[in-house]
Amino acid sequence: MDYQSNMDDCLPLVDLRVMSNEDLDRAAAASRIYKGVKERMGVMLTTEDLENASNRAYRPTEIQLMLEVPGVDVREETVDLQRAEAPS
């Protein structure tokens, strides 16, 4: 979902990702570039949050969740994190 769409325009699908080091570096760089806009939009993550993210210790992974499952009001999903290999 972007910040200009209505909820009616959105799909009930969520992607959860453990970002790679490269993804984190790109996100931190974008965070520095768009700092003023980000603050006006109320985005909570700071550049420091991205630079210090603990997911650097894990292998990138992604899961998708459907939010609208008939007959299910609350559910729990587990993301199996795998440790990244130590740099040699």
PDB file of N, CA and C in Angstrom:
ATOM      1  N   MET A   1       0.848  -1.176   0.000  1.00  0.00           N
ATOM      2  CA  MET A   1       0.000   0.000   0.000  1.00  0.00           C
ATOM      3  C   MET A   1       0.887   1.231   0.000  1.00  0.00           C
ATOM      4  N   ASP A   2       0.559   2.167  -0.825  1.00  0.00           N
ATOM      5  CA  ASP A   2       1.280   3.428  -0.792  1.00  0.00           C
ATOM      6  C   ASP A   2       0.506   4.403   0.089  1.00  0.00           C
ATOM      7  N   TYR A   3       0.994   5.601   0.216  1.00  0.00           N
ATOM      8  CA  TYR A   3       0.373   6.556   1.129  1.00  0.00           C
ATOM      9  C   TYR A   3      -0.775   7.333   0.501  1.00  0.00           C
ATOM     10  N   GLN A   4      -1.098   7.082  -0.758  1.00  0.00           N
ATOM     11  CA  GLN A   4      -2.180   7.804  -1.396  1.00  0.00           C
ATOM     12  C   GLN A   4      -3.356   6.921  -1.764  1.00  0.00           C
ATOM     13  N   SER A   5      -3.230   5.623  -1.608  1.00  0.00           N
ATOM     14  CA  SER A   5      -4.316   4.708  -1.953  1.00  0.00           C
ATOM     15  C   SER A   5      -5.336   4.642  -0.821  1.00  0.00           C
ATOM     16  N   ASN A   6      -6.571   4.346  -1.202  1.00  0.00           N
ATOM     17  CA  ASN A   6      -7.608   4.058  -0.216  1.00  0.00           C
ATOM     18  C   ASN A   6      -7.533   2.591   0.154  1.00  0.00           C
ATOM     19  N   MET A   7      -8.038   2.234   1.321  1.00  0.00           N
ATOM     20  CA  MET A   7      -8.034   0.835   1.747  1.00  0.00           C
ATOM     21  C   MET A   7      -8.784  -0.051   0.756  1.00  0.00           C
ATOM     22  N   ASP A   8      -9.824   0.490   0.123  1.00  0.00           N
ATOM     23  CA  ASP A   8     -10.593  -0.294  -0.847  1.00  0.00           C
ATOM     24  C   ASP A   8      -9.768  -0.673  -2.068  1.00  0.00           C
ATOM     25  N   ASP A   9      -8.690   0.072  -2.339  1.00  0.00           N
ATOM     26  CA  ASP A   9      -7.841  -0.180  -3.498  1.00  0.00           C
ATOM     27  C   ASP A   9      -6.750  -1.210  -3.206  1.00  0.00           C
ATOM     28  N   CYS A  10      -6.629  -1.628  -1.968  1.00  0.00           N
ATOM     29  CA  CYS A  10      -5.509  -2.482  -1.558  1.00  0.00           C
ATOM     30  C   CYS A  10      -5.903  -3.957  -1.521  1.00  0.00           C
ATOM     31  N   LEU A  11      -4.940  -4.797  -1.780  1.00  0.00           N
ATOM     32  CA  LEU A  11      -5.129  -6.238  -1.674  1.00  0.00           C
ATOM     33  C   LEU A  11      -4.854  -6.671  -0.235  1.00  0.00           C
ATOM     34  N   PRO A  12      -5.505  -7.726   0.242  1.00  0.00           N
ATOM     35  CA  PRO A  12      -5.284  -8.201   1.608  1.00  0.00           C
ATOM     36  C   PRO A  12      -4.041  -9.094   1.698  1.00  0.00           C
ATOM     37  N   LEU A  13      -2.962  -8.681   1.082  1.00  0.00           N
ATOM     38  CA  LEU A  13      -1.733  -9.456   1.018  1.00  0.00           C
ATOM     39  C   LEU A  13      -0.598  -8.634   1.619  1.00  0.00           C
ATOM     40  N   VAL A  14       0.157  -9.246   2.512  1.00  0.00           N
ATOM     41  CA  VAL A  14       1.277  -8.572   3.173  1.00  0.00           C
ATOM     42  C   VAL A  14       2.543  -9.366   2.900  1.00  0.00           C
ATOM     43  N   ASP A  15       3.605  -8.662   2.524  1.00  0.00           N
ATOM     44  CA  ASP A  15       4.927  -9.272   2.378  1.00  0.00           C
ATOM     45  C   ASP A  15       5.760  -8.896   3.587  1.00  0.00           C
ATOM     46  N   LEU A  16       6.345  -9.886   4.249  1.00  0.00           N
ATOM     47  CA  LEU A  16       7.281  -9.650   5.348  1.00  0.00           C
ATOM     48  C   LEU A  16       8.649 -10.113   4.884  1.00  0.00           C
ATOM     49  N   ARG A  17       9.643  -9.205   4.987  1.00  0.00           N
ATOM     50  CA  ARG A  17      10.980  -9.551   4.509  1.00  0.00           C
ATOM     51  C   ARG A  17      12.034  -9.247   5.552  1.00  0.00           C
ATOM     52  N   VAL A  18      12.992 -10.147   5.669  1.00  0.00           N
ATOM     53  CA  VAL A  18      14.241  -9.840   6.353  1.00  0.00           C
ATOM     54  C   VAL A  18      15.146  -9.319   5.254  1.00  0.00           C
ATOM     55  N   MET A  19      15.454  -8.035   5.332  1.00  0.00           N
ATOM     56  CA  MET A  19      16.196  -7.382   4.257  1.00  0.00           C
ATOM     57  C   MET A  19      17.662  -7.805   4.244  1.00  0.00           C
ATOM     58  N   SER A  20      18.241  -7.841   3.040  1.00  0.00           N
ATOM     59  CA  SER A  20      19.664  -8.143   2.892  1.00  0.00           C
ATOM     60  C   SER A  20      20.477  -6.912   3.295  1.00  0.00           C
ATOM     61  N   ASN A  21      21.771  -7.088   3.449  1.00  0.00           N
ATOM     62  CA  ASN A  21      22.647  -5.956   3.767  1.00  0.00           C
ATOM     63  C   ASN A  21      22.533  -4.869   2.707  1.00  0.00           C
ATOM     64  N   GLU A  22      22.459  -5.276   1.442  1.00  0.00           N
ATOM     65  CA  GLU A  22      22.353  -4.299   0.353  1.00  0.00           C
ATOM     66  C   GLU A  22      21.028  -3.542   0.438  1.00  0.00           C
ATOM     67  N   ASP A  23      19.937  -4.256   0.744  1.00  0.00           N
ATOM     68  CA  ASP A  23      18.633  -3.608   0.910  1.00  0.00           C
ATOM     69  C   ASP A  23      18.673  -2.594   2.049  1.00  0.00           C
ATOM     70  N   LEU A  24      19.287  -2.993   3.167  1.00  0.00           N
ATOM     71  CA  LEU A  24      19.396  -2.079   4.307  1.00  0.00           C
ATOM     72  C   LEU A  24      20.210  -0.839   3.957  1.00  0.00           C
ATOM     73  N   ASP A  25      21.317  -1.038   3.248  1.00  0.00           N
ATOM     74  CA  ASP A  25      22.162   0.100   2.855  1.00  0.00           C
ATOM     75  C   ASP A  25      21.406   1.050   1.935  1.00  0.00           C
ATOM     76  N   ARG A  26      20.650   0.496   0.963  1.00  0.00           N
ATOM     77  CA  ARG A  26      19.849   1.341   0.063  1.00  0.00           C
ATOM     78  C   ARG A  26      18.757   2.080   0.822  1.00  0.00           C
ATOM     79  N   ALA A  27      18.097   1.392   1.757  1.00  0.00           N
ATOM     80  CA  ALA A  27      17.031   2.022   2.536  1.00  0.00           C
ATOM     81  C   ALA A  27      17.593   3.140   3.421  1.00  0.00           C
ATOM     82  N   ALA A  28      18.768   2.927   4.008  1.00  0.00           N
ATOM     83  CA  ALA A  28      19.390   3.965   4.838  1.00  0.00           C
ATOM     84  C   ALA A  28      19.771   5.173   3.983  1.00  0.00           C
ATOM     85  N   ALA A  29      20.298   4.926   2.787  1.00  0.00           N
ATOM     86  CA  ALA A  29      20.659   6.033   1.886  1.00  0.00           C
ATOM     87  C   ALA A  29      19.417   6.818   1.484  1.00  0.00           C
ATOM     88  N   ALA A  30      18.333   6.123   1.161  1.00  0.00           N
ATOM     89  CA  ALA A  30      17.079   6.800   0.805  1.00  0.00           C
ATOM     90  C   ALA A  30      16.532   7.572   1.998  1.00  0.00           C
ATOM     91  N   SER A  31      16.687   7.011   3.175  1.00  0.00           N
ATOM     92  CA  SER A  31      16.214   7.675   4.390  1.00  0.00           C
ATOM     93  C   SER A  31      16.930   9.009   4.601  1.00  0.00           C
ATOM     94  N   ARG A  32      18.225   9.030   4.312  1.00  0.00           N
ATOM     95  CA  ARG A  32      18.982  10.290   4.439  1.00  0.00           C
ATOM     96  C   ARG A  32      18.528  11.299   3.390  1.00  0.00           C
ATOM     97  N   ILE A  33      18.300  10.836   2.165  1.00  0.00           N
ATOM     98  CA  ILE A  33      17.908  11.734   1.072  1.00  0.00           C
ATOM     99  C   ILE A  33      16.529  12.336   1.324  1.00  0.00           C
ATOM    100  N   TYR A  34      15.584  11.520   1.776  1.00  0.00           N
ATOM    101  CA  TYR A  34      14.193  11.955   1.907  1.00  0.00           C
ATOM    102  C   TYR A  34      13.800  12.246   3.357  1.00  0.00           C
ATOM    103  N   LYS A  35      14.758  12.611   4.181  1.00  0.00           N
ATOM    104  CA  LYS A  35      14.515  12.807   5.607  1.00  0.00           C
ATOM    105  C   LYS A  35      13.351  13.766   5.879  1.00  0.00           C
ATOM    106  N   GLY A  36      13.322  14.922   5.252  1.00  0.00           N
ATOM    107  CA  GLY A  36      12.275  15.906   5.504  1.00  0.00           C
ATOM    108  C   GLY A  36      10.898  15.403   5.129  1.00  0.00           C
ATOM    109  N   VAL A  37      10.786  14.757   3.987  1.00  0.00           N
ATOM    110  CA  VAL A  37       9.503  14.215   3.530  1.00  0.00           C
ATOM    111  C   VAL A  37       9.049  13.103   4.467  1.00  0.00           C
ATOM    112  N   LYS A  38       9.981  12.254   4.835  1.00  0.00           N
ATOM    113  CA  LYS A  38       9.674  11.122   5.704  1.00  0.00           C
ATOM    114  C   LYS A  38       9.115  11.604   7.047  1.00  0.00           C
ATOM    115  N   GLU A  39       9.706  12.639   7.602  1.00  0.00           N
ATOM    116  CA  GLU A  39       9.237  13.164   8.884  1.00  0.00           C
ATOM    117  C   GLU A  39       7.831  13.739   8.764  1.00  0.00           C
ATOM    118  N   ARG A  40       7.551  14.432   7.680  1.00  0.00           N
ATOM    119  CA  ARG A  40       6.208  15.001   7.475  1.00  0.00           C
ATOM    120  C   ARG A  40       5.160  13.908   7.326  1.00  0.00           C
ATOM    121  N   MET A  41       5.562  12.762   6.786  1.00  0.00           N
ATOM    122  CA  MET A  41       4.614  11.661   6.578  1.00  0.00           C
ATOM    123  C   MET A  41       4.459  10.805   7.831  1.00  0.00           C
ATOM    124  N   GLY A  42       5.264  11.047   8.857  1.00  0.00           N
ATOM    125  CA  GLY A  42       5.152  10.294  10.097  1.00  0.00           C
ATOM    126  C   GLY A  42       5.797   8.926  10.055  1.00  0.00           C
ATOM    127  N   VAL A  43       6.773   8.721   9.165  1.00  0.00           N
ATOM    128  CA  VAL A  43       7.477   7.444   9.092  1.00  0.00           C
ATOM    129  C   VAL A  43       8.367   7.323  10.326  1.00  0.00           C
ATOM    130  N   MET A  44       8.247   6.199  11.021  1.00  0.00           N
ATOM    131  CA  MET A  44       8.903   6.058  12.316  1.00  0.00           C
ATOM    132  C   MET A  44      10.364   5.606  12.257  1.00  0.00           C
ATOM    133  N   LEU A  45      10.730   4.751  11.312  1.00  0.00           N
ATOM    134  CA  LEU A  45      12.109   4.259  11.278  1.00  0.00           C
ATOM    135  C   LEU A  45      13.069   5.387  10.964  1.00  0.00           C
ATOM    136  N   THR A  46      14.153   5.424  11.702  1.00  0.00           N
ATOM    137  CA  THR A  46      15.189   6.418  11.443  1.00  0.00           C
ATOM    138  C   THR A  46      16.309   5.772  10.640  1.00  0.00           C
ATOM    139  N   THR A  47      17.184   6.607  10.110  1.00  0.00           N
ATOM    140  CA  THR A  47      18.356   6.094   9.399  1.00  0.00           C
ATOM    141  C   THR A  47      19.180   5.217  10.330  1.00  0.00           C
ATOM    142  N   GLU A  48      19.289   5.632  11.584  1.00  0.00           N
ATOM    143  CA  GLU A  48      20.062   4.857  12.556  1.00  0.00           C
ATOM    144  C   GLU A  48      19.433   3.485  12.796  1.00  0.00           C
ATOM    145  N   ASP A  49      18.105   3.425  12.810  1.00  0.00           N
ATOM    146  CA  ASP A  49      17.423   2.128  12.965  1.00  0.00           C
ATOM    147  C   ASP A  49      17.833   1.180  11.842  1.00  0.00           C
ATOM    148  N   LEU A  50      17.863   1.700  10.628  1.00  0.00           N
ATOM    149  CA  LEU A  50      18.221   0.866   9.480  1.00  0.00           C
ATOM    150  C   LEU A  50      19.681   0.450   9.523  1.00  0.00           C
ATOM    151  N   GLU A  51      20.558   1.376   9.900  1.00  0.00           N
ATOM    152  CA  GLU A  51      21.990   1.068   9.945  1.00  0.00           C
ATOM    153  C   GLU A  51      22.324   0.072  11.047  1.00  0.00           C
ATOM    154  N   ASN A  52      21.547   0.068  12.125  1.00  0.00           N
ATOM    155  CA  ASN A  52      21.815  -0.810  13.268  1.00  0.00           C
ATOM    156  C   ASN A  52      20.898  -2.028  13.317  1.00  0.00           C
ATOM    157  N   ALA A  53      20.188  -2.303  12.251  1.00  0.00           N
ATOM    158  CA  ALA A  53      19.224  -3.409  12.240  1.00  0.00           C
ATOM    159  C   ALA A  53      19.902  -4.736  12.553  1.00  0.00           C
ATOM    160  N   SER A  54      19.300  -5.491  13.449  1.00  0.00           N
ATOM    161  CA  SER A  54      19.884  -6.781  13.837  1.00  0.00           C
ATOM    162  C   SER A  54      19.705  -7.843  12.757  1.00  0.00           C
ATOM    163  N   ASN A  55      18.860  -7.573  11.751  1.00  0.00           N
ATOM    164  CA  ASN A  55      18.663  -8.603  10.735  1.00  0.00           C
ATOM    165  C   ASN A  55      19.870  -8.751   9.817  1.00  0.00           C
ATOM    166  N   ARG A  56      20.914  -7.946  10.004  1.00  0.00           N
ATOM    167  CA  ARG A  56      22.163  -8.163   9.264  1.00  0.00           C
ATOM    168  C   ARG A  56      22.771  -9.520   9.624  1.00  0.00           C
ATOM    169  N   ALA A  57      22.382 -10.050  10.770  1.00  0.00           N
ATOM    170  CA  ALA A  57      22.913 -11.352  11.214  1.00  0.00           C
ATOM    171  C   ALA A  57      22.139 -12.529  10.624  1.00  0.00           C
ATOM    172  N   TYR A  58      21.083 -12.247   9.849  1.00  0.00           N
ATOM    173  CA  TYR A  58      20.232 -13.311   9.323  1.00  0.00           C
ATOM    174  C   TYR A  58      20.203 -13.305   7.803  1.00  0.00           C
ATOM    175  N   ARG A  59      19.914 -14.478   7.255  1.00  0.00           N
ATOM    176  CA  ARG A  59      19.789 -14.581   5.798  1.00  0.00           C
ATOM    177  C   ARG A  59      18.491 -13.909   5.363  1.00  0.00           C
ATOM    178  N   PRO A  60      18.518 -13.198   4.228  1.00  0.00           N
ATOM    179  CA  PRO A  60      17.283 -12.588   3.724  1.00  0.00           C
ATOM    180  C   PRO A  60      16.231 -13.668   3.472  1.00  0.00           C
ATOM    181  N   THR A  61      15.015 -13.362   3.833  1.00  0.00           N
ATOM    182  CA  THR A  61      13.903 -14.280   3.610  1.00  0.00           C
ATOM    183  C   THR A  61      12.629 -13.467   3.434  1.00  0.00           C
ATOM    184  N   GLU A  62      11.605 -14.090   2.892  1.00  0.00           N
ATOM    185  CA  GLU A  62      10.344 -13.391   2.663  1.00  0.00           C
ATOM    186  C   GLU A  62       9.187 -14.365   2.812  1.00  0.00           C
ATOM    187  N   ILE A  63       8.109 -13.908   3.452  1.00  0.00           N
ATOM    188  CA  ILE A  63       6.873 -14.675   3.491  1.00  0.00           C
ATOM    189  C   ILE A  63       5.732 -13.743   3.088  1.00  0.00           C
ATOM    190  N   GLN A  64       4.674 -14.324   2.560  1.00  0.00           N
ATOM    191  CA  GLN A  64       3.482 -13.558   2.191  1.00  0.00           C
ATOM    192  C   GLN A  64       2.306 -14.061   3.016  1.00  0.00           C
ATOM    193  N   LEU A  65       1.505 -13.129   3.488  1.00  0.00           N
ATOM    194  CA  LEU A  65       0.331 -13.456   4.291  1.00  0.00           C
ATOM    195  C   LEU A  65      -0.919 -12.886   3.651  1.00  0.00           C
ATOM    196  N   MET A  66      -1.964 -13.669   3.619  1.00  0.00           N
ATOM    197  CA  MET A  66      -3.274 -13.174   3.218  1.00  0.00           C
ATOM    198  C   MET A  66      -3.988 -12.748   4.493  1.00  0.00           C
ATOM    199  N   LEU A  67      -4.422 -11.499   4.546  1.00  0.00           N
ATOM    200  CA  LEU A  67      -5.056 -10.992   5.756  1.00  0.00           C
ATOM    201  C   LEU A  67      -6.518 -11.399   5.875  1.00  0.00           C
ATOM    202  N   GLU A  68      -7.172 -11.615   4.767  1.00  0.00           N
ATOM    203  CA  GLU A  68      -8.586 -11.969   4.800  1.00  0.00           C
ATOM    204  C   GLU A  68      -8.742 -13.463   4.565  1.00  0.00           C
ATOM    205  N   VAL A  69      -8.789 -14.220   5.649  1.00  0.00           N
ATOM    206  CA  VAL A  69      -9.001 -15.661   5.572  1.00  0.00           C
ATOM    207  C   VAL A  69     -10.373 -15.938   6.175  1.00  0.00           C
ATOM    208  N   PRO A  70     -11.298 -16.481   5.408  1.00  0.00           N
ATOM    209  CA  PRO A  70     -12.649 -16.720   5.920  1.00  0.00           C
ATOM    210  C   PRO A  70     -12.640 -17.541   7.207  1.00  0.00           C
ATOM    211  N   GLY A  71     -13.384 -17.058   8.211  1.00  0.00           N
ATOM    212  CA  GLY A  71     -13.514 -17.777   9.473  1.00  0.00           C
ATOM    213  C   GLY A  71     -12.357 -17.602  10.433  1.00  0.00           C
ATOM    214  N   VAL A  72     -11.343 -16.813  10.078  1.00  0.00           N
ATOM    215  CA  VAL A  72     -10.186 -16.627  10.947  1.00  0.00           C
ATOM    216  C   VAL A  72     -10.122 -15.156  11.356  1.00  0.00           C
ATOM    217  N   ASP A  73     -10.253 -14.913  12.668  1.00  0.00           N
ATOM    218  CA  ASP A  73     -10.180 -13.542  13.167  1.00  0.00           C
ATOM    219  C   ASP A  73      -8.757 -13.158  13.584  1.00  0.00           C
ATOM    220  N   VAL A  74      -8.067 -14.094  14.238  1.00  0.00           N
ATOM    221  CA  VAL A  74      -6.709 -13.836  14.720  1.00  0.00           C
ATOM    222  C   VAL A  74      -5.863 -15.049  14.372  1.00  0.00           C
ATOM    223  N   ARG A  75      -4.654 -14.791  13.919  1.00  0.00           N
ATOM    224  CA  ARG A  75      -3.765 -15.926  13.664  1.00  0.00           C
ATOM    225  C   ARG A  75      -2.328 -15.491  13.898  1.00  0.00           C
ATOM    226  N   GLU A  76      -1.505 -16.463  14.085  1.00  0.00           N
ATOM    227  CA  GLU A  76      -0.087 -16.219  14.349  1.00  0.00           C
ATOM    228  C   GLU A  76       0.714 -16.837  13.222  1.00  0.00           C
ATOM    229  N   GLU A  77       1.718 -16.101  12.752  1.00  0.00           N
ATOM    230  CA  GLU A  77       2.613 -16.608  11.717  1.00  0.00           C
ATOM    231  C   GLU A  77       4.036 -16.603  12.269  1.00  0.00           C
ATOM    232  N   THR A  78       4.772 -17.608  11.927  1.00  0.00           N
ATOM    233  CA  THR A  78       6.159 -17.719  12.364  1.00  0.00           C
ATOM    234  C   THR A  78       7.077 -17.515  11.168  1.00  0.00           C
ATOM    235  N   VAL A  79       8.092 -16.693  11.358  1.00  0.00           N
ATOM    236  CA  VAL A  79       9.115 -16.505  10.336  1.00  0.00           C
ATOM    237  C   VAL A  79      10.350 -17.253  10.820  1.00  0.00           C
ATOM    238  N   ASP A  80      10.744 -18.275  10.080  1.00  0.00           N
ATOM    239  CA  ASP A  80      11.921 -19.057  10.452  1.00  0.00           C
ATOM    240  C   ASP A  80      13.178 -18.306  10.018  1.00  0.00           C
ATOM    241  N   LEU A  81      13.846 -17.705  10.982  1.00  0.00           N
ATOM    242  CA  LEU A  81      15.073 -16.964  10.688  1.00  0.00           C
ATOM    243  C   LEU A  81      16.256 -17.914  10.640  1.00  0.00           C
ATOM    244  N   GLN A  82      17.128 -17.694   9.665  1.00  0.00           N
ATOM    245  CA  GLN A  82      18.337 -18.502   9.535  1.00  0.00           C
ATOM    246  C   GLN A  82      19.528 -17.576   9.647  1.00  0.00           C
ATOM    247  N   ARG A  83      20.473 -17.950  10.468  1.00  0.00           N
ATOM    248  CA  ARG A  83      21.687 -17.144  10.653  1.00  0.00           C
ATOM    249  C   ARG A  83      22.448 -17.018   9.361  1.00  0.00           C
ATOM    250  N   ALA A  84      22.942 -15.816   9.121  1.00  0.00           N
ATOM    251  CA  ALA A  84      23.785 -15.598   7.943  1.00  0.00           C
ATOM    252  C   ALA A  84      25.141 -16.250   8.198  1.00  0.00           C
ATOM    253  N   GLU A  85      25.767 -16.639   7.126  1.00  0.00           N
ATOM    254  CA  GLU A  85      27.113 -17.209   7.259  1.00  0.00           C
ATOM    255  C   GLU A  85      28.084 -16.105   7.615  1.00  0.00           C
ATOM    256  N   ALA A  86      29.002 -16.418   8.497  1.00  0.00           N
ATOM    257  CA  ALA A  86      30.016 -15.440   8.901  1.00  0.00           C
ATOM    258  C   ALA A  86      30.912 -15.137   7.725  1.00  0.00           C
ATOM    259  N   PRO A  87      31.251 -13.832   7.520  1.00  0.00           N
ATOM    260  CA  PRO A  87      32.151 -13.496   6.416  1.00  0.00           C
ATOM    261  C   PRO A  87      33.512 -14.148   6.619  1.00  0.00           C
ATOM    262  N   SER A  88      34.068 -14.656   5.531  1.00  0.00           N
ATOM    263  CA  SER A  88      35.376 -15.326   5.654  1.00  0.00           C
ATOM    264  C   SER A  88      36.507 -14.415   5.311  1.00  0.00           C
TER     265      SER A  88
END
